[in-house]
Protein backbone atom coordinates (compact mmCIF):
# COMPACT_ATOMS: atom_id res chain seq x y z
CA UNK A 1 0.26 -0.15 0.05
CA UNK A 2 1.62 3.41 -1.01
CA UNK A 3 2.37 5.72 1.71
CA UNK A 4 3.32 9.77 2.30
CA UNK A 5 5.66 10.53 5.18
CA UNK A 6 5.44 14.51 6.32
CA UNK A 7 6.76 16.49 9.40
CA UNK A 8 4.62 18.66 11.61
CA UNK A 9 4.79 20.68 15.11
CA UNK A 10 1.42 19.73 16.68
CA UNK A 11 -1.57 17.79 16.38
CA UNK A 12 -5.16 19.60 16.16
CA UNK A 13 -7.97 16.67 16.91
CA UNK A 14 -11.95 17.37 16.49
CA UNK A 15 -13.51 15.19 18.81
CA UNK A 16 -16.83 13.12 18.44
CA UNK A 17 -16.64 11.49 14.79
CA UNK A 18 -12.57 11.69 15.27
CA UNK A 19 -11.81 10.69 18.53
CA UNK A 20 -15.21 9.62 19.93
CA UNK A 21 -18.05 7.54 18.52
CA UNK A 22 -21.14 9.20 20.12
CA UNK A 23 -22.72 10.01 17.19
CA UNK A 24 -26.26 7.56 17.35
CA UNK A 25 -26.43 9.72 20.96
CA UNK A 26 -25.81 13.04 18.82
CA UNK A 27 -28.42 12.00 16.11
CA UNK A 28 -30.73 10.83 18.80
CA UNK A 29 -30.85 14.19 20.71
CA UNK A 30 -31.02 16.19 17.35
CA UNK A 31 -33.64 13.62 16.34
CA UNK A 32 -35.36 14.78 19.70
CA UNK A 33 -35.23 18.39 18.36
CA UNK A 34 -36.76 17.54 14.89
CA UNK A 35 -39.57 15.46 16.43
CA UNK A 36 -40.50 18.40 18.92
CA UNK A 37 -40.79 20.85 16.03
CA UNK A 38 -42.30 18.78 13.14
CA UNK A 39 -39.29 18.43 11.18
CA UNK A 40 -37.76 15.52 9.42
CA UNK A 41 -35.31 13.96 11.69
CA UNK A 42 -32.81 12.81 8.83
CA UNK A 43 -32.70 16.05 7.35
CA UNK A 44 -32.19 18.18 10.92
CA UNK A 45 -29.51 15.77 11.79
CA UNK A 46 -27.25 16.21 8.27
CA UNK A 47 -27.71 19.90 9.21
CA UNK A 48 -26.12 20.07 12.35
CA UNK A 49 -23.59 17.75 12.15
CA UNK A 50 -19.96 19.19 13.21
CA UNK A 51 -21.69 22.38 14.04
CA UNK A 52 -21.91 24.11 17.15
CA UNK A 53 -24.96 23.44 19.10
CA UNK A 54 -25.22 27.23 19.83
CA UNK A 55 -25.68 28.03 16.23
CA UNK A 56 -27.49 24.65 15.57
CA UNK A 57 -30.24 25.82 18.41
CA UNK A 58 -30.15 29.54 17.55
CA UNK A 59 -31.30 28.27 14.14
CA UNK A 60 -33.68 25.96 14.61
CA UNK A 61 -35.08 27.66 18.43
CA UNK A 62 -34.73 31.43 17.46
CA UNK A 63 -37.23 31.78 20.01
CA UNK A 64 -34.58 31.30 22.55
CA UNK A 65 -33.09 34.26 24.04
CA UNK A 66 -29.34 35.25 24.05
CA UNK A 67 -29.28 35.33 27.73
CA UNK A 68 -30.86 31.61 27.80
CA UNK A 69 -28.47 30.42 25.46
CA UNK A 70 -26.02 28.80 27.59
CA UNK A 71 -28.48 27.28 29.70
CA UNK A 72 -29.99 25.98 26.72
CA UNK A 73 -26.70 24.23 25.47
CA UNK A 74 -25.80 22.99 28.74
CA UNK A 75 -29.32 20.96 28.82
CA UNK A 76 -29.52 19.90 25.02
CA UNK A 77 -25.15 18.48 25.42
CA UNK A 78 -26.62 17.02 28.77
CA UNK A 79 -28.96 14.89 27.14
CA UNK A 80 -26.49 13.90 24.25
CA UNK A 81 -24.63 11.87 27.59
CA UNK A 82 -27.98 11.00 28.74
CA UNK A 83 -29.14 9.38 25.99
CA UNK A 84 -26.00 7.51 25.69
CA UNK A 85 -26.18 6.35 28.96
CA UNK A 86 -29.52 5.41 29.22
CA UNK A 87 -28.87 2.28 27.07
CA UNK A 88 -26.30 0.73 29.20
CA UNK A 89 -28.54 1.46 32.54
CA UNK A 90 -31.29 -0.50 30.77
CA UNK A 91 -28.86 -3.28 29.78
CA UNK A 92 -27.56 -3.48 33.77
CA UNK A 93 -31.32 -3.23 34.72
CA UNK A 94 -32.41 -6.06 32.56
CA UNK A 95 -29.36 -8.47 33.23
CA UNK A 96 -29.75 -7.64 36.98
CA UNK A 97 -33.17 -8.85 36.72
CA UNK A 98 -33.02 -11.77 34.53
CA UNK A 99 -35.67 -10.07 31.94
CA UNK A 100 -34.63 -10.20 28.05
CA UNK A 101 -34.40 -7.01 25.86
CA UNK A 102 -37.86 -8.22 24.20
CA UNK A 103 -39.28 -8.41 27.18
CA UNK A 104 -38.41 -4.54 28.14
CA UNK A 105 -41.33 -1.84 28.36
CA UNK A 106 -40.78 1.68 27.96
CA UNK A 107 -43.29 2.47 30.83
CA UNK A 108 -40.58 0.23 33.06
CA UNK A 109 -37.81 2.77 32.29
CA UNK A 110 -39.95 5.62 32.69
CA UNK A 111 -40.61 4.15 35.95
CA UNK A 112 -37.21 3.33 36.99
CA UNK A 113 -36.18 6.83 35.79
CA UNK A 114 -33.68 4.77 33.50
CA UNK A 115 -35.67 5.41 30.25
CA UNK A 116 -34.27 7.32 27.08
CA UNK A 117 -34.38 10.87 27.64
CA UNK A 118 -38.63 11.93 26.33
CA UNK A 119 -39.37 14.19 24.23
CA UNK A 120 -39.76 17.98 25.65
CA UNK A 121 -43.34 18.56 23.49
CA UNK A 122 -44.69 15.54 21.47
CA UNK A 123 -47.25 17.75 19.85
CA UNK A 124 -45.50 18.24 16.63
CA UNK A 125 -47.72 19.36 14.50
CA UNK A 126 -48.31 22.45 17.07
CA UNK A 127 -44.12 23.62 15.92
CA UNK A 128 -43.11 25.68 12.91
CA UNK A 129 -42.15 23.54 9.89
CA UNK A 130 -43.76 20.94 7.88
CA UNK A 131 -44.80 17.08 8.73
CA UNK A 132 -42.58 15.10 6.39
CA UNK A 133 -43.23 11.53 5.39
CA UNK A 134 -40.37 10.87 3.12
CA UNK A 135 -37.56 8.85 4.32
CA UNK A 136 -33.87 10.20 3.00
CA UNK A 137 -31.28 8.38 3.75
CA UNK A 138 -28.60 9.57 6.03
CA UNK A 139 -24.90 9.59 5.18
CA UNK A 140 -23.99 9.66 8.92
CA UNK A 141 -23.36 6.41 10.85
CA UNK A 142 -20.86 5.38 13.94
CA UNK A 143 -18.43 2.67 13.66
CA UNK A 144 -18.10 -0.30 16.19
CA UNK A 145 -14.26 -0.25 16.51
CA UNK A 146 -14.71 -4.07 18.10
CA UNK A 147 -15.82 -5.20 14.03
CA UNK A 148 -14.93 -1.96 12.07
CA UNK A 149 -18.14 -1.57 11.05
CA UNK A 150 -20.40 1.31 11.12
CA UNK A 151 -23.48 1.50 13.11
CA UNK A 152 -26.52 1.71 11.09
CA UNK A 153 -27.66 5.37 11.19
CA UNK A 154 -30.43 6.70 13.18
CA UNK A 155 -31.92 9.02 11.57
CA UNK A 156 -33.00 6.28 8.26
CA UNK A 157 -34.55 4.05 10.93
CA UNK A 158 -36.23 6.81 12.96
CA UNK A 159 -37.61 8.29 9.86
CA UNK A 160 -38.88 4.87 8.37
CA UNK A 161 -40.51 4.29 11.50
CA UNK A 162 -42.30 7.98 11.55
CA UNK A 163 -43.66 7.19 7.97
CA UNK A 164 -45.28 3.36 9.50
CA UNK A 165 -46.59 5.80 12.55
CA UNK A 166 -49.27 7.75 9.41
CA UNK A 167 -52.40 5.97 9.03
CA UNK A 168 -52.76 5.15 4.92
CA UNK A 169 -56.14 6.95 5.30
CA UNK A 170 -54.02 10.18 6.86
CA UNK A 171 -54.76 13.63 5.00
CA UNK A 172 -51.42 15.13 4.84
CA UNK A 173 -51.91 18.48 6.90
CA UNK A 174 -51.73 21.70 5.48
CA UNK A 175 -50.04 24.75 7.25
CA UNK A 176 -49.87 28.19 6.62
CA UNK A 177 -46.76 30.27 5.72
CA UNK A 178 -46.78 32.73 8.70
CA UNK A 179 -44.26 32.53 11.20
CA UNK A 180 -46.66 30.49 14.09
CA UNK A 181 -47.37 27.70 11.68
CA UNK A 182 -50.79 25.30 13.19
CA UNK A 183 -51.83 22.12 12.46
CA UNK A 184 -55.20 22.85 10.08
CA UNK A 185 -55.86 19.21 9.49
CA UNK A 186 -58.43 16.79 10.68
CA UNK A 187 -58.32 17.01 14.58
CA UNK A 188 -60.06 13.62 14.59
CA UNK A 189 -56.75 12.25 12.69
CA UNK A 190 -54.70 14.22 15.10
CA UNK A 191 -54.37 12.57 17.98
CA UNK A 192 -53.76 9.04 17.08
CA UNK A 193 -50.94 10.24 14.44
CA UNK A 194 -49.28 12.05 16.90
CA UNK A 195 -49.54 8.77 19.47
CA UNK A 196 -47.81 7.20 16.48
CA UNK A 197 -45.46 9.33 16.21
CA UNK A 198 -44.47 9.10 20.07
CA UNK A 199 -44.36 5.39 19.76
CA UNK A 200 -42.20 5.64 16.69
CA UNK A 201 -39.62 7.72 18.65
CA UNK A 202 -39.56 5.30 21.75
CA UNK A 203 -39.46 2.10 19.75
CA UNK A 204 -36.17 3.05 17.93
CA UNK A 205 -34.58 5.20 20.64
CA UNK A 206 -35.00 2.45 23.33
CA UNK A 207 -33.41 -0.24 21.15
CA UNK A 208 -30.37 1.48 20.01
CA UNK A 209 -27.12 1.12 21.94
CA UNK A 210 -25.88 4.89 21.65
CA UNK A 211 -22.89 4.65 24.17
CA UNK A 212 -19.96 6.45 23.71
CA UNK A 213 -16.84 4.97 22.51
CA UNK A 214 -13.29 5.28 21.79
CA UNK A 215 -12.30 5.11 18.12
CA UNK A 216 -9.91 2.72 16.27
CA UNK A 217 -6.43 4.04 15.94
CA UNK A 218 -7.27 7.06 18.83
CA UNK A 219 -5.52 5.43 21.68
CA UNK A 220 -2.63 4.62 19.86
CA UNK A 221 -2.02 7.98 18.23
CA UNK A 222 -2.46 9.64 21.01
CA UNK A 223 0.16 7.83 23.04
CA UNK A 224 2.08 8.44 20.34
CA UNK A 225 1.91 12.33 20.87
CA UNK A 226 4.14 13.94 23.29
CA UNK A 227 1.97 16.24 25.96
CA UNK A 228 1.98 19.68 24.92
CA UNK A 229 1.97 18.71 21.10
CA UNK A 230 -1.75 18.24 20.86
CA UNK A 231 -5.36 19.87 21.59
CA UNK A 232 -8.93 19.12 20.84
CA UNK A 233 -10.95 21.31 19.10
CA UNK A 234 -14.66 20.68 19.15
CA UNK A 235 -17.77 21.87 18.26
CA UNK A 236 -19.51 20.42 21.34
CA UNK A 237 -19.55 22.45 24.55
CA UNK A 238 -17.79 22.05 27.69
CA UNK A 239 -20.64 19.42 29.23
CA UNK A 240 -20.57 17.40 26.50
CA UNK A 241 -16.80 17.30 25.36
CA UNK A 242 -15.54 16.48 28.75
CA UNK A 243 -18.08 13.89 29.35
CA UNK A 244 -17.79 12.26 26.17
CA UNK A 245 -13.82 12.09 26.31
CA UNK A 246 -13.56 11.04 29.79
CA UNK A 247 -16.42 8.36 29.48
CA UNK A 248 -13.70 6.38 26.63
CA UNK A 249 -10.60 7.16 29.06
CA UNK A 250 -9.47 10.36 27.38
CA UNK A 251 -8.35 12.67 29.49
CA UNK A 252 -8.78 16.57 27.64
CA UNK A 253 -5.80 17.65 27.22
CA UNK A 254 -4.66 21.25 28.93
CA UNK A 255 -5.47 23.04 25.74
CA UNK A 256 -9.45 22.09 24.53
CA UNK A 257 -11.20 24.51 22.64
CA UNK A 258 -14.96 23.78 23.24
CA UNK A 259 -17.73 25.33 21.60
CA UNK A 260 -18.76 27.86 24.32
CA UNK A 261 -15.04 29.12 24.20
CA UNK A 262 -15.69 33.24 24.95
CA UNK A 263 -12.41 33.59 22.52
CA UNK A 264 -14.29 31.99 19.62
CA UNK A 265 -15.59 34.34 17.22
CA UNK A 266 -17.26 31.84 14.73
CA UNK A 267 -16.98 27.96 14.73
CA UNK A 268 -16.58 25.14 12.40
CA UNK A 269 -16.64 25.86 9.16
CA UNK A 270 -15.20 28.86 10.02
CA UNK A 271 -11.15 28.38 10.99
CA UNK A 272 -11.20 29.88 14.17
CA UNK A 273 -11.40 26.67 16.66
CA UNK A 274 -8.50 25.34 14.89
CA UNK A 275 -6.22 28.45 15.10
CA UNK A 276 -6.69 29.41 19.01
CA UNK A 277 -5.87 25.68 19.29
CA UNK A 278 -2.88 26.08 17.36
CA UNK A 279 -2.06 29.29 19.04
CA UNK A 280 -2.64 27.93 22.71
CA UNK A 281 -0.33 25.07 22.32
CA UNK A 282 2.64 27.73 20.81
CA UNK A 283 2.53 26.77 17.11
CA UNK A 284 1.42 27.92 13.89
CA UNK A 285 -1.93 26.15 12.39
CA UNK A 286 0.15 25.91 9.32
CA UNK A 287 2.59 23.80 10.62
CA UNK A 288 0.05 21.50 12.67
CA UNK A 289 -2.00 18.58 11.65
CA UNK A 290 -6.01 18.69 11.81
CA UNK A 291 -7.85 15.12 11.94
CA UNK A 292 -11.64 15.73 11.08
CA UNK A 293 -14.37 13.50 9.86
CA UNK A 294 -16.98 15.68 8.82
CA UNK A 295 -17.56 18.31 5.91
CA UNK A 296 -17.84 21.49 7.99
CA UNK A 297 -14.55 20.69 10.00
CA UNK A 298 -12.58 19.83 7.15
CA UNK A 299 -13.27 22.97 5.71
CA UNK A 300 -12.53 24.97 8.68
CA UNK A 301 -8.86 22.76 9.10
CA UNK A 302 -8.17 23.78 5.59
CA UNK A 303 -8.92 27.40 6.41
CA UNK A 304 -6.56 27.34 8.96
CA UNK A 305 -3.69 25.94 6.94
CA UNK A 306 -3.40 22.71 8.29
CA UNK A 307 -2.72 19.54 7.20
CA UNK A 308 -5.88 17.86 7.51
CA UNK A 309 -6.58 13.79 7.78
CA UNK A 310 -10.22 13.27 7.23
CA UNK A 311 -11.07 9.83 8.52
CA UNK A 312 -13.87 8.21 7.25
CA UNK A 313 -15.56 6.91 10.58
CA UNK A 314 -19.14 9.00 10.51
CA UNK A 315 -19.44 9.69 6.78
CA UNK A 316 -18.82 7.89 3.52
CA UNK A 317 -15.69 8.62 1.91
CA UNK A 318 -17.80 9.90 -1.52
CA UNK A 319 -19.10 12.79 1.34
CA UNK A 320 -15.96 14.08 2.50
CA UNK A 321 -13.74 13.32 -0.65
CA UNK A 322 -14.58 16.57 -2.25
CA UNK A 323 -14.06 19.10 1.30
CA UNK A 324 -10.10 19.56 0.49
CA UNK A 325 -8.91 17.06 2.95
CA UNK A 326 -5.00 16.19 1.95
CA UNK A 327 -5.77 12.67 2.72
CA UNK A 328 -8.88 10.47 3.47
CA UNK A 329 -8.20 7.33 5.25
CA UNK A 330 -10.66 4.61 7.03
CA UNK A 331 -9.56 5.57 10.37
CA UNK A 332 -6.61 6.63 12.43
CA UNK A 333 -5.05 3.22 12.06
CA UNK A 334 -4.04 3.89 8.42
CA UNK A 335 -1.99 6.92 10.32
CA UNK A 336 1.57 6.31 12.13
CA UNK A 337 3.20 9.02 14.09
CA UNK A 338 6.92 9.47 15.86
CA UNK A 339 8.83 11.85 17.08
CA UNK A 340 12.24 12.92 15.65
CA UNK A 341 14.69 15.88 17.56
CA UNK A 342 14.07 17.01 21.09
CA UNK A 343 13.02 19.97 23.31
CA UNK A 344 11.43 22.78 21.02
CA UNK A 345 12.92 21.46 17.93
CA UNK A 346 11.02 18.01 18.19
CA UNK A 347 9.16 17.30 14.95
CA UNK A 348 6.34 14.97 14.88
CA UNK A 349 6.67 12.75 11.81
CA UNK A 350 3.60 11.26 10.30
CA UNK A 351 3.53 8.44 7.97
CA UNK A 352 -0.47 7.96 6.08
CA UNK A 353 -1.40 4.68 4.50
CA UNK A 354 -3.86 5.49 1.39
């Protein structure tokens, strides 16, 4: 297999989809937002991936006041960790009770406090947006480190279940074009449809393992890089970023740039997070390596001037090949790192198999 070797001063890692795999939990959290707003989960998930929660919430929930946004972001990102944790708690409960997964009811989970986080408002038709019965395929999936295979996309499964929740004789609702869009269909049909939507949500979210995992090759890569020569620059806020890394045994490095860092003027796809991370390490971003998985993050890395290595851990290769990355690999197992020299003059030597 051909390979390319080059040198750099430091490494700037994205987190989710690059170091950790919490895509299923993130998709579930944004899927909940989509269902609350009566939007297509697959479309919302695709639009939000790789971007800051603060930017996404400002777009989808413009009613949130600026002084309330920090709390809203923290609550949303805590919901990601809750989604990730809920499956493991339920599995432990099943094992302890001697029961099977098939016999577990959502209501039992609710009573025990170990359920999938519920929708904040299941009246999807009373919110802004339009109801869609299409089932677009999601380009997002999450990788199982033990097999190297991607876990199936939450968005596609949920969209299929939501579609099946709509009765065949249901009249497609009509919406006004005003800012306060209201459901104006047959009221007699509204209640069972909403119940079907919530049931589809609970069926899907209750059955999926959304636990956070470390991705292939990450542990070896981090262990090869000396302290002070790598940073994390993520679109996640502090609650989520530190929680996810700690969950998989990664110690957040001293330079961890999160989405709620007040020094940032803009998040990805702007280059600001990587420029700030490189500056905090004491290096020029042009002499750094960026590891990324999402189109917006790849573009941010390219804009910073860094050498960008894109990993196909959350997107199909075809979805990220045209984003400008210098190298596209399956995961970090295709990249080796060694050190050359000592002290301030030390260089990191990368070999990329491609």
